Amino acid sequence: MSTQGSPYSPGPPMPPSGHVPARANPLRRPSDRFEWWFRRFLLVLLVLGLPAAAFGAGTTAHEASMRTVRAQVAQRHEVTARPTTDVPRDGSAAKQPAEVRWTDAGGVVRTGAALVKPGTSKGDAVRVWVDRSGHVTTPPASALNAKATGWIVGAMVGFGTAFGVYVLWAGTRLILDRRRYAQWDAEWDRAEPLWSARFRR
């Protein structure tokens, strides 16, 4: 007896392994296909975009910091100054503000407030940084500061990129799941009366 057309006739042959490829699964919904492609897009974005963003931001920050370093080095110089009063010891190793006096390159005697070590006596030589206007200032930034800034900015951008990809993926999954649940509810609303009618017979 022929089984052609029988509801129990075998369907198309299964692959030798008995496994149906995910992309050929007839139960895949459009949202499943979109999710599959979107996941791979985000993976490529993470693998290629994260290093590029981190390197670009780090390099830009390093170059900007180096311009600041060069400008500060050109505008500031170190001079030998002397405190006008004794700096008392207070049991702390932190430097304390004190008034100091020095003579600039033009022979003008200047005074200003600078941080000096506790226990420094009046008249002791101390090194302070001054700008072109003759005001006491902080030491210029160094190349090491610029390099550290580049690494920190690069790491922050890399972390931000990874976090952004994760948020994008989590948000997309949430939207897709809500849509799937809504579709399941609509399908169940159509199917439930048919199932209930079978039990009322």
C-alpha atoms as a PDB file:
ATOM      1  CA  MET A   1       0.000   0.000   0.000  1.00  0.00           C
ATOM      2  CA  SER A   2       1.355   3.375  -0.969  1.00  0.00           C
ATOM      3  CA  THR A   3       1.947   5.917   1.758  1.00  0.00           C
ATOM      4  CA  GLN A   4       1.939   8.846  -0.668  1.00  0.00           C
ATOM      5  CA  GLY A   5      -0.281  11.595   0.693  1.00  0.00           C
ATOM      6  CA  SER A   6      -0.603   9.911   4.089  1.00  0.00           C
ATOM      7  CA  PRO A   7      -0.356  12.238   7.102  1.00  0.00           C
ATOM      8  CA  TYR A   8       2.158   9.776   8.542  1.00  0.00           C
ATOM      9  CA  SER A   9       4.442   9.787   5.517  1.00  0.00           C
ATOM     10  CA  PRO A  10       7.991  10.899   6.340  1.00  0.00           C
ATOM     11  CA  GLY A  11       8.923  14.459   5.614  1.00  0.00           C
ATOM     12  CA  PRO A  12      12.070  15.672   3.913  1.00  0.00           C
ATOM     13  CA  PRO A  13      15.187  13.751   4.858  1.00  0.00           C
ATOM     14  CA  MET A  14      17.040  14.978   7.919  1.00  0.00           C
ATOM     15  CA  PRO A  15      20.721  15.842   7.771  1.00  0.00           C
ATOM     16  CA  PRO A  16      23.045  12.930   8.600  1.00  0.00           C
ATOM     17  CA  SER A  17      23.661  14.338  12.060  1.00  0.00           C
ATOM     18  CA  GLY A  18      19.960  14.741  12.757  1.00  0.00           C
ATOM     19  CA  HIS A  19      20.539  18.430  13.515  1.00  0.00           C
ATOM     20  CA  VAL A  20      18.618  21.147  11.691  1.00  0.00           C
ATOM     21  CA  PRO A  21      20.757  24.246  11.027  1.00  0.00           C
ATOM     22  CA  ALA A  22      19.498  27.256  12.946  1.00  0.00           C
ATOM     23  CA  ARG A  23      19.108  29.352   9.794  1.00  0.00           C
ATOM     24  CA  ALA A  24      17.028  26.595   8.143  1.00  0.00           C
ATOM     25  CA  ASN A  25      14.745  26.036  11.109  1.00  0.00           C
ATOM     26  CA  PRO A  26      11.136  26.574   9.933  1.00  0.00           C
ATOM     27  CA  LEU A  27      10.182  27.756  13.429  1.00  0.00           C
ATOM     28  CA  ARG A  28      12.477  30.757  13.210  1.00  0.00           C
ATOM     29  CA  ARG A  29      10.562  34.007  13.366  1.00  0.00           C
ATOM     30  CA  PRO A  30      11.608  37.243  11.647  1.00  0.00           C
ATOM     31  CA  SER A  31      12.602  38.577  15.062  1.00  0.00           C
ATOM     32  CA  ASP A  32      14.876  35.547  15.542  1.00  0.00           C
ATOM     33  CA  ARG A  33      16.601  36.222  12.235  1.00  0.00           C
ATOM     34  CA  PHE A  34      16.972  39.897  13.083  1.00  0.00           C
ATOM     35  CA  GLU A  35      18.414  39.004  16.475  1.00  0.00           C
ATOM     36  CA  TRP A  36      20.870  36.577  14.882  1.00  0.00           C
ATOM     37  CA  TRP A  37      22.197  39.194  12.459  1.00  0.00           C
ATOM     38  CA  PHE A  38      22.134  42.004  15.026  1.00  0.00           C
ATOM     39  CA  ARG A  39      24.157  39.924  17.494  1.00  0.00           C
ATOM     40  CA  ARG A  40      26.839  39.385  14.878  1.00  0.00           C
ATOM     41  CA  PHE A  41      26.833  43.056  13.946  1.00  0.00           C
ATOM     42  CA  LEU A  42      27.407  44.010  17.582  1.00  0.00           C
ATOM     43  CA  LEU A  43      30.178  41.429  17.869  1.00  0.00           C
ATOM     44  CA  VAL A  44      31.981  42.914  14.874  1.00  0.00           C
ATOM     45  CA  LEU A  45      31.420  46.386  16.294  1.00  0.00           C
ATOM     46  CA  LEU A  46      32.904  45.284  19.613  1.00  0.00           C
ATOM     47  CA  VAL A  47      35.914  43.496  18.111  1.00  0.00           C
ATOM     48  CA  LEU A  48      36.801  46.207  15.596  1.00  0.00           C
ATOM     49  CA  GLY A  49      35.256  49.355  17.035  1.00  0.00           C
ATOM     50  CA  LEU A  50      36.407  49.081  20.636  1.00  0.00           C
ATOM     51  CA  PRO A  51      40.176  48.992  19.897  1.00  0.00           C
ATOM     52  CA  ALA A  52      39.832  51.701  17.256  1.00  0.00           C
ATOM     53  CA  ALA A  53      37.844  53.993  19.553  1.00  0.00           C
ATOM     54  CA  ALA A  54      40.149  53.417  22.524  1.00  0.00           C
ATOM     55  CA  PHE A  55      43.320  53.931  20.453  1.00  0.00           C
ATOM     56  CA  GLY A  56      41.969  57.026  18.714  1.00  0.00           C
ATOM     57  CA  ALA A  57      40.785  58.664  21.931  1.00  0.00           C
ATOM     58  CA  GLY A  58      43.968  57.773  23.796  1.00  0.00           C
ATOM     59  CA  THR A  59      46.188  59.103  21.012  1.00  0.00           C
ATOM     60  CA  THR A  60      44.191  62.329  20.751  1.00  0.00           C
ATOM     61  CA  ALA A  61      44.323  62.875  24.509  1.00  0.00           C
ATOM     62  CA  HIS A  62      48.080  62.185  24.575  1.00  0.00           C
ATOM     63  CA  GLU A  63      48.765  64.642  21.762  1.00  0.00           C
ATOM     64  CA  ALA A  64      46.635  67.326  23.423  1.00  0.00           C
ATOM     65  CA  SER A  65      48.425  66.760  26.744  1.00  0.00           C
ATOM     66  CA  MET A  66      51.819  66.962  25.046  1.00  0.00           C
ATOM     67  CA  ARG A  67      50.872  70.341  23.553  1.00  0.00           C
ATOM     68  CA  THR A  68      50.010  71.506  27.067  1.00  0.00           C
ATOM     69  CA  VAL A  69      53.317  70.138  28.377  1.00  0.00           C
ATOM     70  CA  ARG A  70      55.314  71.973  25.710  1.00  0.00           C
ATOM     71  CA  ALA A  71      53.415  75.218  26.343  1.00  0.00           C
ATOM     72  CA  GLN A  72      53.957  75.018  30.106  1.00  0.00           C
ATOM     73  CA  VAL A  73      57.652  74.199  29.712  1.00  0.00           C
ATOM     74  CA  ALA A  74      58.050  77.240  27.453  1.00  0.00           C
ATOM     75  CA  GLN A  75      56.186  79.549  29.851  1.00  0.00           C
ATOM     76  CA  ARG A  76      57.591  78.428  33.213  1.00  0.00           C
ATOM     77  CA  HIS A  77      61.089  78.277  34.665  1.00  0.00           C
ATOM     78  CA  GLU A  78      62.677  77.423  37.976  1.00  0.00           C
ATOM     79  CA  VAL A  79      64.387  79.992  40.193  1.00  0.00           C
ATOM     80  CA  THR A  80      66.195  79.942  43.515  1.00  0.00           C
ATOM     81  CA  ALA A  81      64.216  81.689  46.223  1.00  0.00           C
ATOM     82  CA  ARG A  82      64.637  82.138  49.963  1.00  0.00           C
ATOM     83  CA  PRO A  83      61.928  82.126  52.656  1.00  0.00           C
ATOM     84  CA  THR A  84      61.467  85.427  54.451  1.00  0.00           C
ATOM     85  CA  THR A  85      60.572  83.636  57.725  1.00  0.00           C
ATOM     86  CA  ASP A  86      61.263  80.283  59.356  1.00  0.00           C
ATOM     87  CA  VAL A  87      58.851  77.501  58.434  1.00  0.00           C
ATOM     88  CA  PRO A  88      57.943  75.666  61.657  1.00  0.00           C
ATOM     89  CA  ARG A  89      57.777  71.910  61.980  1.00  0.00           C
ATOM     90  CA  ASP A  90      54.282  70.625  62.740  1.00  0.00           C
ATOM     91  CA  GLY A  91      54.955  66.887  62.685  1.00  0.00           C
ATOM     92  CA  SER A  92      53.741  66.578  59.097  1.00  0.00           C
ATOM     93  CA  ALA A  93      55.850  65.901  56.043  1.00  0.00           C
ATOM     94  CA  ALA A  94      53.521  67.935  53.811  1.00  0.00           C
ATOM     95  CA  LYS A  95      54.879  71.187  52.425  1.00  0.00           C
ATOM     96  CA  GLN A  96      53.541  74.413  53.881  1.00  0.00           C
ATOM     97  CA  PRO A  97      52.882  77.783  52.227  1.00  0.00           C
ATOM     98  CA  ALA A  98      55.466  80.431  53.030  1.00  0.00           C
ATOM     99  CA  GLU A  99      56.539  83.771  51.630  1.00  0.00           C
ATOM    100  CA  VAL A 100      59.690  83.588  49.531  1.00  0.00           C
ATOM    101  CA  ARG A 101      61.864  86.200  47.841  1.00  0.00           C
ATOM    102  CA  TRP A 102      63.960  85.919  44.678  1.00  0.00           C
ATOM    103  CA  THR A 103      65.598  88.085  42.055  1.00  0.00           C
ATOM    104  CA  ASP A 104      64.475  87.675  38.448  1.00  0.00           C
ATOM    105  CA  ALA A 105      66.648  87.800  35.340  1.00  0.00           C
ATOM    106  CA  GLY A 106      66.124  91.565  35.090  1.00  0.00           C
ATOM    107  CA  GLY A 107      67.455  92.173  38.617  1.00  0.00           C
ATOM    108  CA  VAL A 108      64.018  92.888  40.078  1.00  0.00           C
ATOM    109  CA  VAL A 109      63.408  91.496  43.563  1.00  0.00           C
ATOM    110  CA  ARG A 110      60.094  89.649  43.727  1.00  0.00           C
ATOM    111  CA  THR A 111      58.129  87.964  46.478  1.00  0.00           C
ATOM    112  CA  GLY A 112      55.411  85.351  46.436  1.00  0.00           C
ATOM    113  CA  ALA A 113      53.882  82.434  48.302  1.00  0.00           C
ATOM    114  CA  ALA A 114      55.293  78.975  47.648  1.00  0.00           C
ATOM    115  CA  LEU A 115      55.118  75.545  49.249  1.00  0.00           C
ATOM    116  CA  VAL A 116      58.288  74.665  51.181  1.00  0.00           C
ATOM    117  CA  LYS A 117      59.285  71.801  53.456  1.00  0.00           C
ATOM    118  CA  PRO A 118      58.591  72.108  57.197  1.00  0.00           C
ATOM    119  CA  GLY A 119      61.685  73.099  59.159  1.00  0.00           C
ATOM    120  CA  THR A 120      63.117  75.296  56.393  1.00  0.00           C
ATOM    121  CA  SER A 121      64.927  78.244  57.961  1.00  0.00           C
ATOM    122  CA  LYS A 122      64.784  81.863  56.855  1.00  0.00           C
ATOM    123  CA  GLY A 123      67.251  82.482  54.058  1.00  0.00           C
ATOM    124  CA  ASP A 124      67.610  78.820  53.017  1.00  0.00           C
ATOM    125  CA  ALA A 125      67.685  78.255  49.282  1.00  0.00           C
ATOM    126  CA  VAL A 126      64.571  76.647  47.828  1.00  0.00           C
ATOM    127  CA  ARG A 127      63.631  76.001  44.213  1.00  0.00           C
ATOM    128  CA  VAL A 128      60.301  77.370  43.001  1.00  0.00           C
ATOM    129  CA  TRP A 129      58.623  77.592  39.609  1.00  0.00           C
ATOM    130  CA  VAL A 130      57.514  80.966  38.243  1.00  0.00           C
ATOM    131  CA  ASP A 131      55.773  82.017  35.044  1.00  0.00           C
ATOM    132  CA  ARG A 132      56.740  84.766  32.604  1.00  0.00           C
ATOM    133  CA  SER A 133      54.890  87.331  34.694  1.00  0.00           C
ATOM    134  CA  GLY A 134      56.978  86.504  37.740  1.00  0.00           C
ATOM    135  CA  HIS A 135      54.240  84.745  39.684  1.00  0.00           C
ATOM    136  CA  VAL A 136      54.846  81.542  41.596  1.00  0.00           C
ATOM    137  CA  THR A 137      53.166  78.619  39.860  1.00  0.00           C
ATOM    138  CA  THR A 138      53.136  74.832  39.812  1.00  0.00           C
ATOM    139  CA  PRO A 139      55.748  72.765  37.967  1.00  0.00           C
ATOM    140  CA  PRO A 140      54.929  72.093  34.308  1.00  0.00           C
ATOM    141  CA  ALA A 141      53.344  68.783  33.405  1.00  0.00           C
ATOM    142  CA  SER A 142      55.693  66.080  32.142  1.00  0.00           C
ATOM    143  CA  ALA A 143      55.607  63.619  29.252  1.00  0.00           C
ATOM    144  CA  LEU A 144      54.741  60.936  31.798  1.00  0.00           C
ATOM    145  CA  ASN A 145      51.614  62.899  32.747  1.00  0.00           C
ATOM    146  CA  ALA A 146      50.646  63.094  29.079  1.00  0.00           C
ATOM    147  CA  LYS A 147      51.175  59.368  28.604  1.00  0.00           C
ATOM    148  CA  ALA A 148      49.106  58.552  31.695  1.00  0.00           C
ATOM    149  CA  THR A 149      46.331  60.835  30.437  1.00  0.00           C
ATOM    150  CA  GLY A 150      46.312  59.016  27.101  1.00  0.00           C
ATOM    151  CA  TRP A 151      46.059  55.605  28.759  1.00  0.00           C
ATOM    152  CA  ILE A 152      43.304  56.714  31.126  1.00  0.00           C
ATOM    153  CA  VAL A 153      41.220  58.321  28.383  1.00  0.00           C
ATOM    154  CA  GLY A 154      41.722  55.309  26.097  1.00  0.00           C
ATOM    155  CA  ALA A 155      40.651  52.915  28.844  1.00  0.00           C
ATOM    156  CA  MET A 156      37.589  55.017  29.666  1.00  0.00           C
ATOM    157  CA  VAL A 157      36.515  55.174  26.022  1.00  0.00           C
ATOM    158  CA  GLY A 158      37.062  51.429  25.639  1.00  0.00           C
ATOM    159  CA  PHE A 159      34.955  50.727  28.706  1.00  0.00           C
ATOM    160  CA  GLY A 160      32.306  53.162  27.512  1.00  0.00           C
ATOM    161  CA  THR A 161      32.195  51.498  24.094  1.00  0.00           C
ATOM    162  CA  ALA A 162      31.804  48.040  25.629  1.00  0.00           C
ATOM    163  CA  PHE A 163      29.104  49.301  27.984  1.00  0.00           C
ATOM    164  CA  GLY A 164      27.299  51.029  25.111  1.00  0.00           C
ATOM    165  CA  VAL A 165      27.297  47.837  23.053  1.00  0.00           C
ATOM    166  CA  TYR A 166      25.953  45.903  26.033  1.00  0.00           C
ATOM    167  CA  VAL A 167      23.179  48.453  26.640  1.00  0.00           C
ATOM    168  CA  LEU A 168      22.279  48.390  22.946  1.00  0.00           C
ATOM    169  CA  TRP A 169      22.107  44.613  22.976  1.00  0.00           C
ATOM    170  CA  ALA A 170      20.109  44.445  26.221  1.00  0.00           C
ATOM    171  CA  GLY A 171      17.675  47.097  24.988  1.00  0.00           C
ATOM    172  CA  THR A 172      17.175  45.325  21.681  1.00  0.00           C
ATOM    173  CA  ARG A 173      16.561  42.009  23.441  1.00  0.00           C
ATOM    174  CA  LEU A 174      14.025  43.663  25.721  1.00  0.00           C
ATOM    175  CA  ILE A 175      12.134  45.171  22.780  1.00  0.00           C
ATOM    176  CA  LEU A 176      12.182  41.898  20.841  1.00  0.00           C
ATOM    177  CA  ASP A 177      11.022  39.883  23.862  1.00  0.00           C
ATOM    178  CA  ARG A 178       8.140  42.268  24.507  1.00  0.00           C
ATOM    179  CA  ARG A 179       7.104  41.972  20.891  1.00  0.00           C
ATOM    180  CA  ARG A 180       7.307  38.173  21.055  1.00  0.00           C
ATOM    181  CA  TYR A 181       5.239  38.046  24.224  1.00  0.00           C
ATOM    182  CA  ALA A 182       2.635  40.271  22.597  1.00  0.00           C
ATOM    183  CA  GLN A 183       2.544  37.973  19.554  1.00  0.00           C
ATOM    184  CA  TRP A 184       2.233  34.893  21.754  1.00  0.00           C
ATOM    185  CA  ASP A 185      -0.643  36.497  23.661  1.00  0.00           C
ATOM    186  CA  ALA A 186      -2.414  37.368  20.416  1.00  0.00           C
ATOM    187  CA  GLU A 187      -1.911  33.856  19.046  1.00  0.00           C
ATOM    188  CA  TRP A 188      -3.138  32.298  22.276  1.00  0.00           C
ATOM    189  CA  ASP A 189      -6.223  34.515  22.243  1.00  0.00           C
ATOM    190  CA  ARG A 190      -7.033  33.052  18.833  1.00  0.00           C
ATOM    191  CA  ALA A 191      -6.166  29.459  19.710  1.00  0.00           C
ATOM    192  CA  GLU A 192      -7.587  29.209  23.239  1.00  0.00           C
ATOM    193  CA  PRO A 193     -11.281  29.249  22.215  1.00  0.00           C
ATOM    194  CA  LEU A 194     -10.649  26.366  19.806  1.00  0.00           C
ATOM    195  CA  TRP A 195      -8.946  24.309  22.496  1.00  0.00           C
ATOM    196  CA  SER A 196     -11.662  25.125  25.045  1.00  0.00           C
ATOM    197  CA  ALA A 197     -14.383  24.094  22.576  1.00  0.00           C
ATOM    198  CA  ARG A 198     -12.858  20.618  22.287  1.00  0.00           C
ATOM    199  CA  PHE A 199     -13.328  20.013  26.014  1.00  0.00           C
ATOM    200  CA  ARG A 200     -16.886  21.318  26.057  1.00  0.00           C
ATOM    201  CA  ARG A 201     -18.110  18.679  23.604  1.00  0.00           C
END
